[in-house]
C-alpha atoms as a PDB file:
ATOM      1  CA  MET A   1     -11.670  79.218 106.993  1.00  0.00           C
ATOM      2  CA  LEU A   2     -11.161  78.287 110.659  1.00  0.00           C
ATOM      3  CA  ASN A   3      -9.171  75.421 111.202  1.00  0.00           C
ATOM      4  CA  ILE A   4      -9.607  73.546 114.616  1.00  0.00           C
ATOM      5  CA  GLN A   5      -6.917  70.899 115.368  1.00  0.00           C
ATOM      6  CA  GLN A   6      -6.765  68.891 117.996  1.00  0.00           C
ATOM      7  CA  GLN A   7      -4.148  67.905 120.973  1.00  0.00           C
ATOM      8  CA  VAL A   8      -1.525  70.559 119.155  1.00  0.00           C
ATOM      9  CA  PRO A   9       1.684  70.740 121.081  1.00  0.00           C
ATOM     10  CA  LEU A  10       2.549  74.552 122.429  1.00  0.00           C
ATOM     11  CA  LEU A  11       5.809  73.781 122.752  1.00  0.00           C
ATOM     12  CA  LYS A  12       6.665  76.724 120.049  1.00  0.00           C
ATOM     13  CA  TYR A  13       3.477  78.815 121.093  1.00  0.00           C
ATOM     14  CA  ASN A  14       5.288  79.653 124.677  1.00  0.00           C
ATOM     15  CA  THR A  15       8.448  81.465 125.272  1.00  0.00           C
ATOM     16  CA  LEU A  16       9.748  79.340 127.695  1.00  0.00           C
ATOM     17  CA  ALA A  17       9.380  76.451 125.758  1.00  0.00           C
ATOM     18  CA  LEU A  18       7.497  74.287 127.970  1.00  0.00           C
ATOM     19  CA  PRO A  19       5.986  71.139 126.896  1.00  0.00           C
ATOM     20  CA  SER A  20       2.031  71.642 127.278  1.00  0.00           C
ATOM     21  CA  THR A  21      -0.382  70.108 124.724  1.00  0.00           C
ATOM     22  CA  ALA A  22      -3.652  71.767 123.682  1.00  0.00           C
ATOM     23  CA  GLU A  23      -7.384  69.628 123.487  1.00  0.00           C
ATOM     24  CA  TYR A  24      -8.272  71.852 120.873  1.00  0.00           C
ATOM     25  CA  PHE A  25      -6.341  75.120 118.887  1.00  0.00           C
ATOM     26  CA  CYS A  26      -6.821  77.024 116.505  1.00  0.00           C
ATOM     27  CA  LYS A  27      -5.239  80.649 114.723  1.00  0.00           C
ATOM     28  CA  VAL A  28      -7.734  83.486 114.118  1.00  0.00           C
ATOM     29  CA  ALA A  29      -6.979  86.561 111.519  1.00  0.00           C
ATOM     30  CA  SER A  30      -9.952  88.084 111.930  1.00  0.00           C
ATOM     31  CA  ASP A  31     -13.091  89.311 113.967  1.00  0.00           C
ATOM     32  CA  ASN A  32     -15.217  86.911 111.757  1.00  0.00           C
ATOM     33  CA  GLU A  33     -12.908  84.036 112.641  1.00  0.00           C
ATOM     34  CA  LEU A  34     -12.755  84.921 116.243  1.00  0.00           C
ATOM     35  CA  GLN A  35     -16.500  84.945 116.558  1.00  0.00           C
ATOM     36  CA  GLU A  36     -16.714  81.714 114.651  1.00  0.00           C
ATOM     37  CA  ALA A  37     -13.886  80.168 117.120  1.00  0.00           C
ATOM     38  CA  LEU A  38     -16.391  81.482 120.421  1.00  0.00           C
ATOM     39  CA  ALA A  39     -18.851  80.524 118.476  1.00  0.00           C
ATOM     40  CA  TRP A  40     -17.890  76.839 118.506  1.00  0.00           C
ATOM     41  CA  ALA A  41     -16.726  76.360 122.016  1.00  0.00           C
ATOM     42  CA  ARG A  42     -19.621  77.901 123.598  1.00  0.00           C
ATOM     43  CA  LYS A  43     -21.628  74.967 121.417  1.00  0.00           C
ATOM     44  CA  LYS A  44     -19.833  72.743 122.814  1.00  0.00           C
ATOM     45  CA  GLN A  45     -19.594  73.859 126.474  1.00  0.00           C
ATOM     46  CA  LEU A  46     -15.773  73.996 126.011  1.00  0.00           C
ATOM     47  CA  PRO A  47     -13.178  76.386 128.330  1.00  0.00           C
ATOM     48  CA  ILE A  48     -11.398  78.884 126.065  1.00  0.00           C
ATOM     49  CA  THR A  49      -7.394  79.879 126.326  1.00  0.00           C
ATOM     50  CA  LEU A  50      -6.777  82.980 124.685  1.00  0.00           C
ATOM     51  CA  LEU A  51      -2.702  82.949 123.337  1.00  0.00           C
ATOM     52  CA  GLY A  52      -0.247  85.115 121.848  1.00  0.00           C
ATOM     53  CA  GLY A  53       3.405  85.412 121.426  1.00  0.00           C
ATOM     54  CA  GLY A  54       3.502  83.215 124.607  1.00  0.00           C
ATOM     55  CA  SER A  55       5.952  85.630 126.161  1.00  0.00           C
ATOM     56  CA  ASN A  56       4.043  85.813 129.763  1.00  0.00           C
ATOM     57  CA  VAL A  57       2.733  82.326 130.262  1.00  0.00           C
ATOM     58  CA  VAL A  58       3.948  79.333 132.227  1.00  0.00           C
ATOM     59  CA  LEU A  59       2.347  76.214 130.693  1.00  0.00           C
ATOM     60  CA  ALA A  60       2.808  73.846 133.823  1.00  0.00           C
ATOM     61  CA  SER A  61      -0.337  71.697 132.844  1.00  0.00           C
ATOM     62  CA  ASP A  62      -2.145  70.511 129.342  1.00  0.00           C
ATOM     63  CA  LEU A  63      -4.456  73.232 128.289  1.00  0.00           C
ATOM     64  CA  ALA A  64      -8.342  71.556 128.431  1.00  0.00           C
ATOM     65  CA  GLY A  65     -11.033  72.921 125.623  1.00  0.00           C
ATOM     66  CA  LEU A  66     -10.372  75.220 122.561  1.00  0.00           C
ATOM     67  CA  VAL A  67      -6.798  77.286 122.618  1.00  0.00           C
ATOM     68  CA  ILE A  68      -7.210  80.133 120.332  1.00  0.00           C
ATOM     69  CA  HIS A  69      -3.842  81.700 118.804  1.00  0.00           C
ATOM     70  CA  ILE A  70      -4.281  85.833 118.195  1.00  0.00           C
ATOM     71  CA  ALA A  71      -3.746  86.569 114.932  1.00  0.00           C
ATOM     72  CA  ILE A  72      -5.397  89.445 114.196  1.00  0.00           C
ATOM     73  CA  PRO A  73      -3.132  91.855 112.107  1.00  0.00           C
ATOM     74  CA  GLY A  74      -3.200  95.569 111.069  1.00  0.00           C
ATOM     75  CA  ILE A  75      -1.493  99.209 111.832  1.00  0.00           C
ATOM     76  CA  GLU A  76      -3.469 102.217 110.313  1.00  0.00           C
ATOM     77  CA  LEU A  77      -3.899 105.670 111.620  1.00  0.00           C
ATOM     78  CA  VAL A  78      -7.062 106.574 112.013  1.00  0.00           C
ATOM     79  CA  SER A  79      -7.590 109.850 113.715  1.00  0.00           C
ATOM     80  CA  GLU A  80      -5.471 113.463 114.134  1.00  0.00           C
ATOM     81  CA  PRO A  81      -7.515 115.086 116.774  1.00  0.00           C
ATOM     82  CA  ASN A  82      -5.087 117.459 116.241  1.00  0.00           C
ATOM     83  CA  GLN A  83      -1.693 118.625 114.456  1.00  0.00           C
ATOM     84  CA  ALA A  84       0.543 116.896 116.447  1.00  0.00           C
ATOM     85  CA  GLU A  85      -1.687 114.073 118.139  1.00  0.00           C
ATOM     86  CA  LYS A  86      -1.957 110.415 116.038  1.00  0.00           C
ATOM     87  CA  ILE A  87      -4.386 107.698 117.130  1.00  0.00           C
ATOM     88  CA  ILE A  88      -3.357 104.820 115.654  1.00  0.00           C
ATOM     89  CA  ARG A  89      -5.256 101.156 115.785  1.00  0.00           C
ATOM     90  CA  VAL A  90      -3.135  98.086 116.234  1.00  0.00           C
ATOM     91  CA  GLY A  91      -4.542  94.400 115.360  1.00  0.00           C
ATOM     92  CA  ALA A  92      -4.284  92.148 118.349  1.00  0.00           C
ATOM     93  CA  GLY A  93      -1.776  90.198 116.352  1.00  0.00           C
ATOM     94  CA  GLU A  94       0.898  92.960 115.549  1.00  0.00           C
ATOM     95  CA  ASP A  95       4.262  91.785 117.060  1.00  0.00           C
ATOM     96  CA  TRP A  96       4.994  94.634 119.280  1.00  0.00           C
ATOM     97  CA  HIS A  97       8.119  95.204 118.463  1.00  0.00           C
ATOM     98  CA  GLN A  98       7.573  95.589 114.783  1.00  0.00           C
ATOM     99  CA  LEU A  99       4.964  98.019 116.130  1.00  0.00           C
ATOM    100  CA  VAL A 100       7.254 100.223 117.684  1.00  0.00           C
ATOM    101  CA  LEU A 101       9.778 100.592 115.073  1.00  0.00           C
ATOM    102  CA  HIS A 102       7.057 100.957 112.213  1.00  0.00           C
ATOM    103  CA  THR A 103       5.750 104.024 114.324  1.00  0.00           C
ATOM    104  CA  LEU A 104       9.051 105.549 114.310  1.00  0.00           C
ATOM    105  CA  LYS A 105       9.564 105.080 110.393  1.00  0.00           C
ATOM    106  CA  GLN A 106       6.215 106.790 110.231  1.00  0.00           C
ATOM    107  CA  GLY A 107       6.862 109.668 112.885  1.00  0.00           C
ATOM    108  CA  TRP A 108       4.439 108.432 115.208  1.00  0.00           C
ATOM    109  CA  TYR A 109       6.581 109.248 118.469  1.00  0.00           C
ATOM    110  CA  GLY A 110       5.653 107.773 122.170  1.00  0.00           C
ATOM    111  CA  LEU A 111       6.511 103.800 121.983  1.00  0.00           C
ATOM    112  CA  GLU A 112      10.240 104.281 122.138  1.00  0.00           C
ATOM    113  CA  ASN A 113      11.141 103.478 125.612  1.00  0.00           C
ATOM    114  CA  LEU A 114       8.736  99.943 125.083  1.00  0.00           C
ATOM    115  CA  SER A 115      10.894  98.825 122.208  1.00  0.00           C
ATOM    116  CA  LEU A 116      12.314  95.093 122.228  1.00  0.00           C
ATOM    117  CA  ILE A 117       9.504  94.044 124.685  1.00  0.00           C
ATOM    118  CA  PRO A 118       8.486  90.535 123.607  1.00  0.00           C
ATOM    119  CA  GLY A 119       4.546  89.257 122.843  1.00  0.00           C
ATOM    120  CA  LEU A 120       1.816  91.013 120.738  1.00  0.00           C
ATOM    121  CA  ALA A 121       0.025  94.017 121.003  1.00  0.00           C
ATOM    122  CA  GLY A 122      -3.494  92.497 122.321  1.00  0.00           C
ATOM    123  CA  ALA A 123      -1.625  91.154 125.393  1.00  0.00           C
ATOM    124  CA  ALA A 124       0.160  94.997 125.951  1.00  0.00           C
ATOM    125  CA  PRO A 125      -3.064  96.435 127.835  1.00  0.00           C
ATOM    126  CA  ILE A 126      -3.652  93.079 130.403  1.00  0.00           C
ATOM    127  CA  GLN A 127       0.021  93.522 131.647  1.00  0.00           C
ATOM    128  CA  ASN A 128       0.449  97.448 131.287  1.00  0.00           C
ATOM    129  CA  ILE A 129       3.444  96.753 129.864  1.00  0.00           C
ATOM    130  CA  GLY A 130       6.536  99.119 131.331  1.00  0.00           C
ATOM    131  CA  ALA A 131       9.876 100.124 130.697  1.00  0.00           C
ATOM    132  CA  TYR A 132      12.149 102.397 131.374  1.00  0.00           C
ATOM    133  CA  GLY A 133       9.813 104.881 132.810  1.00  0.00           C
ATOM    134  CA  VAL A 134       7.212 104.869 130.503  1.00  0.00           C
ATOM    135  CA  GLU A 135       3.436 102.273 130.613  1.00  0.00           C
ATOM    136  CA  LEU A 136       1.144 101.698 128.014  1.00  0.00           C
ATOM    137  CA  SER A 137      -1.451 103.616 130.336  1.00  0.00           C
ATOM    138  CA  ASP A 138       0.385 106.330 129.208  1.00  0.00           C
ATOM    139  CA  ARG A 139       0.200 106.123 125.559  1.00  0.00           C
ATOM    140  CA  PHE A 140      -3.254 104.520 125.380  1.00  0.00           C
ATOM    141  CA  HIS A 141      -6.480 105.809 124.111  1.00  0.00           C
ATOM    142  CA  SER A 142      -8.978 102.687 123.821  1.00  0.00           C
ATOM    143  CA  LEU A 143      -9.404  99.294 122.687  1.00  0.00           C
ATOM    144  CA  GLU A 144     -12.006  96.974 121.039  1.00  0.00           C
ATOM    145  CA  ALA A 145     -12.597  93.703 122.875  1.00  0.00           C
ATOM    146  CA  ILE A 146     -15.441  90.622 122.543  1.00  0.00           C
ATOM    147  CA  LYS A 147     -17.350  89.667 125.132  1.00  0.00           C
ATOM    148  CA  LEU A 148     -15.864  85.628 125.138  1.00  0.00           C
ATOM    149  CA  SER A 149     -19.545  84.509 126.530  1.00  0.00           C
ATOM    150  CA  SER A 150     -21.709  86.503 124.448  1.00  0.00           C
ATOM    151  CA  GLY A 151     -19.393  87.282 121.305  1.00  0.00           C
ATOM    152  CA  GLU A 152     -20.834  90.556 122.172  1.00  0.00           C
ATOM    153  CA  ALA A 153     -18.475  93.516 120.625  1.00  0.00           C
ATOM    154  CA  ILE A 154     -17.323  96.163 123.167  1.00  0.00           C
ATOM    155  CA  THR A 155     -15.157  99.417 123.257  1.00  0.00           C
ATOM    156  CA  MET A 156     -13.025 100.720 126.316  1.00  0.00           C
ATOM    157  CA  THR A 157     -11.546 103.975 127.344  1.00  0.00           C
ATOM    158  CA  LEU A 158      -8.214 104.060 129.658  1.00  0.00           C
ATOM    159  CA  ASP A 159     -10.633 104.365 133.102  1.00  0.00           C
ATOM    160  CA  ASP A 160     -12.549 100.862 131.674  1.00  0.00           C
ATOM    161  CA  CYS A 161      -9.418  99.578 131.730  1.00  0.00           C
ATOM    162  CA  GLN A 162      -7.918 100.517 135.523  1.00  0.00           C
ATOM    163  CA  PHE A 163      -4.179 100.418 135.232  1.00  0.00           C
ATOM    164  CA  GLY A 164      -1.908  99.362 137.741  1.00  0.00           C
ATOM    165  CA  TYR A 165       1.704  98.782 137.761  1.00  0.00           C
ATOM    166  CA  ARG A 166       1.346  95.427 135.691  1.00  0.00           C
ATOM    167  CA  ASP A 167      -2.330  95.138 135.936  1.00  0.00           C
ATOM    168  CA  SER A 168      -5.141  96.182 134.867  1.00  0.00           C
ATOM    169  CA  PHE A 169      -9.092  95.080 134.793  1.00  0.00           C
ATOM    170  CA  PHE A 170      -8.288  92.281 132.872  1.00  0.00           C
ATOM    171  CA  LYS A 171      -6.132  90.715 135.548  1.00  0.00           C
ATOM    172  CA  GLY A 172      -9.112  91.547 138.025  1.00  0.00           C
ATOM    173  CA  LEU A 173     -12.554  91.124 137.760  1.00  0.00           C
ATOM    174  CA  GLY A 174     -12.293  91.213 133.679  1.00  0.00           C
ATOM    175  CA  ARG A 175     -10.219  88.020 133.788  1.00  0.00           C
ATOM    176  CA  ASP A 176     -10.795  85.683 131.242  1.00  0.00           C
ATOM    177  CA  GLN A 177     -13.536  87.704 130.444  1.00  0.00           C
ATOM    178  CA  TYR A 178     -12.781  89.480 127.329  1.00  0.00           C
ATOM    179  CA  VAL A 179     -10.372  88.812 124.171  1.00  0.00           C
ATOM    180  CA  ILE A 180      -8.616  91.955 122.950  1.00  0.00           C
ATOM    181  CA  THR A 181      -8.895  92.517 119.250  1.00  0.00           C
ATOM    182  CA  ALA A 182      -7.072  95.561 118.463  1.00  0.00           C
ATOM    183  CA  VAL A 183      -5.694  98.632 120.688  1.00  0.00           C
ATOM    184  CA  ASN A 184      -6.014 102.574 120.207  1.00  0.00           C
ATOM    185  CA  LEU A 185      -3.062 104.483 121.109  1.00  0.00           C
ATOM    186  CA  LYS A 186      -2.187 108.064 121.318  1.00  0.00           C
ATOM    187  CA  LEU A 187       1.372 109.148 119.800  1.00  0.00           C
ATOM    188  CA  SER A 188       2.250 112.708 118.870  1.00  0.00           C
ATOM    189  CA  ALA A 189       3.937 114.232 115.680  1.00  0.00           C
ATOM    190  CA  LYS A 190       6.427 116.008 118.197  1.00  0.00           C
ATOM    191  CA  ALA A 191       8.894 113.608 120.331  1.00  0.00           C
ATOM    192  CA  ASN A 192       8.457 113.763 123.316  1.00  0.00           C
ATOM    193  CA  LEU A 193      11.777 112.637 125.130  1.00  0.00           C
ATOM    194  CA  CYS A 194      11.356 110.463 128.470  1.00  0.00           C
ATOM    195  CA  LEU A 195      14.391 110.475 129.238  1.00  0.00           C
ATOM    196  CA  GLU A 196      14.286 110.433 133.316  1.00  0.00           C
ATOM    197  CA  TYR A 197      14.498 106.613 133.851  1.00  0.00           C
ATOM    198  CA  PRO A 198      18.681 106.249 135.751  1.00  0.00           C
ATOM    199  CA  ALA A 199      19.881 103.184 133.595  1.00  0.00           C
ATOM    200  CA  LEU A 200      18.412 104.899 129.734  1.00  0.00           C
ATOM    201  CA  ARG A 201      19.636 108.004 130.975  1.00  0.00           C
ATOM    202  CA  GLN A 202      23.172 106.460 132.283  1.00  0.00           C
ATOM    203  CA  TYR A 203      23.693 104.958 128.621  1.00  0.00           C
ATOM    204  CA  LEU A 204      22.904 107.797 126.602  1.00  0.00           C
ATOM    205  CA  GLU A 205      25.527 109.977 128.240  1.00  0.00           C
ATOM    206  CA  THR A 206      28.258 107.396 129.078  1.00  0.00           C
ATOM    207  CA  LYS A 207      28.266 105.336 126.074  1.00  0.00           C
ATOM    208  CA  THR A 208      25.581 105.977 123.189  1.00  0.00           C
ATOM    209  CA  LEU A 209      25.650 109.744 122.614  1.00  0.00           C
ATOM    210  CA  ALA A 210      28.972 111.624 124.762  1.00  0.00           C
ATOM    211  CA  GLY A 211      28.967 114.960 124.069  1.00  0.00           C
ATOM    212  CA  VAL A 212      26.121 115.326 122.183  1.00  0.00           C
ATOM    213  CA  THR A 213      23.602 117.790 123.521  1.00  0.00           C
ATOM    214  CA  PRO A 214      20.223 116.764 124.275  1.00  0.00           C
ATOM    215  CA  PRO A 215      18.328 118.458 121.990  1.00  0.00           C
ATOM    216  CA  ALA A 216      19.840 116.126 119.077  1.00  0.00           C
ATOM    217  CA  ILE A 217      18.491 112.743 121.341  1.00  0.00           C
ATOM    218  CA  THR A 218      16.124 111.697 118.371  1.00  0.00           C
ATOM    219  CA  PRO A 219      13.173 108.701 119.727  1.00  0.00           C
ATOM    220  CA  LYS A 220      14.884 106.414 117.218  1.00  0.00           C
ATOM    221  CA  LEU A 221      18.246 106.993 119.618  1.00  0.00           C
ATOM    222  CA  VAL A 222      16.174 106.891 122.513  1.00  0.00           C
ATOM    223  CA  SER A 223      14.554 103.146 121.098  1.00  0.00           C
ATOM    224  CA  ASP A 224      18.086 102.233 120.184  1.00  0.00           C
ATOM    225  CA  ALA A 225      19.711 102.514 123.133  1.00  0.00           C
ATOM    226  CA  VAL A 226      16.532 100.973 124.745  1.00  0.00           C
ATOM    227  CA  CYS A 227      17.059  97.986 122.818  1.00  0.00           C
ATOM    228  CA  ALA A 228      21.168  97.201 123.870  1.00  0.00           C
ATOM    229  CA  ILE A 229      19.843  98.036 127.455  1.00  0.00           C
ATOM    230  CA  ARG A 230      17.582  95.331 127.220  1.00  0.00           C
ATOM    231  CA  ARG A 231      20.078  92.743 124.875  1.00  0.00           C
ATOM    232  CA  SER A 232      22.806  93.010 127.651  1.00  0.00           C
ATOM    233  CA  LYS A 233      20.533  92.360 130.468  1.00  0.00           C
ATOM    234  CA  LEU A 234      17.907  89.923 128.733  1.00  0.00           C
ATOM    235  CA  PRO A 235      18.566  86.545 127.392  1.00  0.00           C
ATOM    236  CA  ASP A 236      17.035  86.673 123.628  1.00  0.00           C
ATOM    237  CA  PRO A 237      14.284  83.860 124.206  1.00  0.00           C
ATOM    238  CA  THR A 238      15.100  82.375 120.691  1.00  0.00           C
ATOM    239  CA  GLU A 239      18.465  81.566 122.031  1.00  0.00           C
ATOM    240  CA  ILE A 240      17.483  80.538 125.527  1.00  0.00           C
ATOM    241  CA  ALA A 241      14.019  79.572 126.484  1.00  0.00           C
ATOM    242  CA  ASN A 242      12.338  82.370 128.883  1.00  0.00           C
ATOM    243  CA  ALA A 243       9.922  84.928 129.479  1.00  0.00           C
ATOM    244  CA  GLY A 244      11.801  87.723 130.512  1.00  0.00           C
ATOM    245  CA  SER A 245      11.137  89.370 134.245  1.00  0.00           C
ATOM    246  CA  PHE A 246       9.225  86.121 135.811  1.00  0.00           C
ATOM    247  CA  PHE A 247       8.676  88.222 139.309  1.00  0.00           C
ATOM    248  CA  LYS A 248       7.184  91.836 139.755  1.00  0.00           C
ATOM    249  CA  ASN A 249       9.367  94.750 141.201  1.00  0.00           C
ATOM    250  CA  PRO A 250       7.224  94.384 144.677  1.00  0.00           C
ATOM    251  CA  VAL A 251       6.067  98.001 146.397  1.00  0.00           C
ATOM    252  CA  ILE A 252       6.454  98.511 149.772  1.00  0.00           C
ATOM    253  CA  SER A 253       5.919 101.711 152.383  1.00  0.00           C
ATOM    254  CA  SER A 254       8.658 104.081 153.275  1.00  0.00           C
ATOM    255  CA  GLU A 255       8.949 102.630 156.935  1.00  0.00           C
ATOM    256  CA  GLN A 256       9.228  99.277 155.525  1.00  0.00           C
ATOM    257  CA  LEU A 257      12.473 100.440 153.561  1.00  0.00           C
ATOM    258  CA  GLU A 258      13.923 102.333 156.374  1.00  0.00           C
ATOM    259  CA  THR A 259      14.072  99.061 158.446  1.00  0.00           C
ATOM    260  CA  LEU A 260      15.087  97.192 155.581  1.00  0.00           C
ATOM    261  CA  LYS A 261      18.331  99.612 154.240  1.00  0.00           C
ATOM    262  CA  GLN A 262      19.253  99.375 158.400  1.00  0.00           C
ATOM    263  CA  LYS A 263      20.774  96.002 157.508  1.00  0.00           C
ATOM    264  CA  TYR A 264      20.992  96.343 153.140  1.00  0.00           C
ATOM    265  CA  PRO A 265      22.335  99.857 152.759  1.00  0.00           C
ATOM    266  CA  ASN A 266      22.705  99.333 149.158  1.00  0.00           C
ATOM    267  CA  LEU A 267      19.436  97.916 148.632  1.00  0.00           C
ATOM    268  CA  VAL A 268      18.234  99.367 145.237  1.00  0.00           C
ATOM    269  CA  ASN A 269      14.595 101.129 145.532  1.00  0.00           C
ATOM    270  CA  TYR A 270      12.985 103.864 143.134  1.00  0.00           C
ATOM    271  CA  GLU A 271       9.928 106.208 144.061  1.00  0.00           C
ATOM    272  CA  GLN A 272       6.809 105.350 144.086  1.00  0.00           C
ATOM    273  CA  ALA A 273       3.550 107.271 144.044  1.00  0.00           C
ATOM    274  CA  GLY A 274       1.726 108.143 147.591  1.00  0.00           C
ATOM    275  CA  GLY A 275       5.121 108.179 149.121  1.00  0.00           C
ATOM    276  CA  ARG A 276       6.088 103.991 148.503  1.00  0.00           C
ATOM    277  CA  LYS A 277       9.143 102.867 147.529  1.00  0.00           C
ATOM    278  CA  LYS A 278       9.625  99.948 144.466  1.00  0.00           C
ATOM    279  CA  LEU A 279      12.492  97.687 144.703  1.00  0.00           C
ATOM    280  CA  ALA A 280      14.590  95.503 142.000  1.00  0.00           C
ATOM    281  CA  ALA A 281      12.938  91.778 142.874  1.00  0.00           C
ATOM    282  CA  GLY A 282      16.322  91.117 140.722  1.00  0.00           C
ATOM    283  CA  TRP A 283      18.476  92.493 143.200  1.00  0.00           C
ATOM    284  CA  LEU A 284      17.038  90.553 146.297  1.00  0.00           C
ATOM    285  CA  VAL A 285      16.482  87.320 144.005  1.00  0.00           C
ATOM    286  CA  GLU A 286      20.630  87.762 143.404  1.00  0.00           C
ATOM    287  CA  GLN A 287      21.301  88.544 147.185  1.00  0.00           C
ATOM    288  CA  ALA A 288      19.347  85.765 148.386  1.00  0.00           C
ATOM    289  CA  GLY A 289      21.967  83.698 146.431  1.00  0.00           C
ATOM    290  CA  TRP A 290      19.706  82.116 143.657  1.00  0.00           C
ATOM    291  CA  LYS A 291      22.172  83.991 140.442  1.00  0.00           C
ATOM    292  CA  GLY A 292      23.230  80.882 137.990  1.00  0.00           C
ATOM    293  CA  ILE A 293      21.829  78.372 139.855  1.00  0.00           C
ATOM    294  CA  THR A 294      20.303  75.614 137.853  1.00  0.00           C
ATOM    295  CA  SER A 295      17.657  72.392 138.852  1.00  0.00           C
ATOM    296  CA  SER A 296      15.752  70.239 137.047  1.00  0.00           C
ATOM    297  CA  GLY A 297      16.541  71.534 133.838  1.00  0.00           C
ATOM    298  CA  VAL A 298      15.684  74.895 134.687  1.00  0.00           C
ATOM    299  CA  GLY A 299      17.057  77.923 136.468  1.00  0.00           C
ATOM    300  CA  VAL A 300      17.973  81.259 137.015  1.00  0.00           C
ATOM    301  CA  HIS A 301      20.210  83.569 134.072  1.00  0.00           C
ATOM    302  CA  ASP A 302      23.624  83.729 135.445  1.00  0.00           C
ATOM    303  CA  HIS A 303      23.894  87.800 134.238  1.00  0.00           C
ATOM    304  CA  GLN A 304      20.012  88.614 135.429  1.00  0.00           C
ATOM    305  CA  ALA A 305      18.553  87.293 138.691  1.00  0.00           C
ATOM    306  CA  LEU A 306      15.244  88.118 137.743  1.00  0.00           C
ATOM    307  CA  VAL A 307      15.242  85.799 134.433  1.00  0.00           C
ATOM    308  CA  LEU A 308      14.683  82.263 135.313  1.00  0.00           C
ATOM    309  CA  VAL A 309      14.817  79.852 131.952  1.00  0.00           C
ATOM    310  CA  ASN A 310      14.364  76.618 130.823  1.00  0.00           C
ATOM    311  CA  TYR A 311      17.234  74.392 129.582  1.00  0.00           C
ATOM    312  CA  HIS A 312      14.238  71.156 129.272  1.00  0.00           C
ATOM    313  CA  GLY A 313      12.725  71.254 132.426  1.00  0.00           C
ATOM    314  CA  THR A 314       8.846  70.940 132.924  1.00  0.00           C
ATOM    315  CA  GLY A 315       6.506  73.843 134.172  1.00  0.00           C
ATOM    316  CA  LYS A 316       6.030  72.131 137.462  1.00  0.00           C
ATOM    317  CA  ASP A 317       9.841  72.135 137.386  1.00  0.00           C
ATOM    318  CA  LEU A 318      10.163  75.922 136.854  1.00  0.00           C
ATOM    319  CA  LEU A 319       7.024  76.518 139.417  1.00  0.00           C
ATOM    320  CA  SER A 320       9.132  74.523 142.137  1.00  0.00           C
ATOM    321  CA  LEU A 321      12.417  76.594 141.717  1.00  0.00           C
ATOM    322  CA  ALA A 322      10.094  79.803 141.544  1.00  0.00           C
ATOM    323  CA  GLY A 323       8.311  78.616 144.816  1.00  0.00           C
ATOM    324  CA  ASP A 324      12.033  77.818 146.384  1.00  0.00           C
ATOM    325  CA  ILE A 325      13.094  81.835 145.850  1.00  0.00           C
ATOM    326  CA  GLN A 326       9.979  83.593 146.981  1.00  0.00           C
ATOM    327  CA  ALA A 327      10.465  81.834 150.273  1.00  0.00           C
ATOM    328  CA  SER A 328      14.243  82.773 150.476  1.00  0.00           C
ATOM    329  CA  VAL A 329      13.468  86.372 149.532  1.00  0.00           C
ATOM    330  CA  LEU A 330      10.606  85.997 152.190  1.00  0.00           C
ATOM    331  CA  ASP A 331      13.151  84.830 154.589  1.00  0.00           C
ATOM    332  CA  LYS A 332      16.006  86.840 154.171  1.00  0.00           C
ATOM    333  CA  PHE A 333      14.022  90.190 153.567  1.00  0.00           C
ATOM    334  CA  GLY A 334      10.442  89.749 154.689  1.00  0.00           C
ATOM    335  CA  VAL A 335       9.274  90.797 151.237  1.00  0.00           C
ATOM    336  CA  SER A 336       7.019  89.128 149.184  1.00  0.00           C
ATOM    337  CA  LEU A 337       7.764  87.986 145.273  1.00  0.00           C
ATOM    338  CA  GLU A 338       4.421  87.887 142.583  1.00  0.00           C
ATOM    339  CA  ILE A 339       5.262  85.818 139.493  1.00  0.00           C
ATOM    340  CA  GLU A 340       4.540  88.335 136.655  1.00  0.00           C
ATOM    341  CA  PRO A 341       3.859  85.608 134.210  1.00  0.00           C
ATOM    342  CA  ARG A 342       0.004  84.101 134.074  1.00  0.00           C
ATOM    343  CA  VAL A 343       0.505  80.456 135.298  1.00  0.00           C
ATOM    344  CA  TYR A 344      -1.964  77.656 134.161  1.00  0.00           C
ATOM    345  CA  CYS A 345      -1.161  74.763 136.292  1.00  0.00           C
ATOM    346  CA  LYS A 346      -3.934  72.154 137.132  1.00  0.00           C
END
């Protein structure tokens, strides 16, 4: 039965451990409970905020209205279009990394490069999560969602979702219009490894599998390598409160890159479609002198400048620091940094 509570602290519902309180709060574990919660909020004309794992949000204020924590479970094989292809249906409340490990055990491959990404499955399409050469859109089949305003259940295809780099329909025209209840992924019974990402390839060649021929590299070994790399670079949010990468890697023109490289020959960059170049936001932040800096209970991680951490500060403290970093990088490089997590601020 749906349990709606009042004045609920959200400290444990966001990995930055920022102090925030929900005016009303409920946890939903089924489509029926979700529909009931939405109907309750519509009847009272309350705004709705959806929370999953809280790994990609900055709570810089209390949240008015109803906060719905999505906890809808389930992982199932729904179809086999051919002998190799497997389409699986995943409840929005499933932990993403545990999902990856489950698919590997089942012999359903394709998610290994996305290992150890924090958060729940339902949030993955919103952000179009990606890592080490693979994005969710590469493995996406469709999703199931409910329209917040009416309770209408719909199915959305790859084209409907309008995926881009850490972007989707749900961050644009569809923002705050839908709640994702399940994601359908297109995986394979045959390993088709993606090893092009430089850091992953280097790790596999020099640290874990030195002397092992490529056919011996399995999806499980790729997953293990990705986990090892991520753990070496990113702090565990259960130990140091953080939301992972705080800024998107900016994409610039090749002309702007050449201009910057005249002054900064070691500028880290990656090829993108259409001849554009992606810069490493963490490198820019570090070169601007912010690595390891602390201020007002928040700071920049001392090993990874792309990660902002919270020791005992507030959301406003964190956003103030982020703003100073953005201004500094813009002044030094002429490049604008965009905050990656969703910001909730009055």
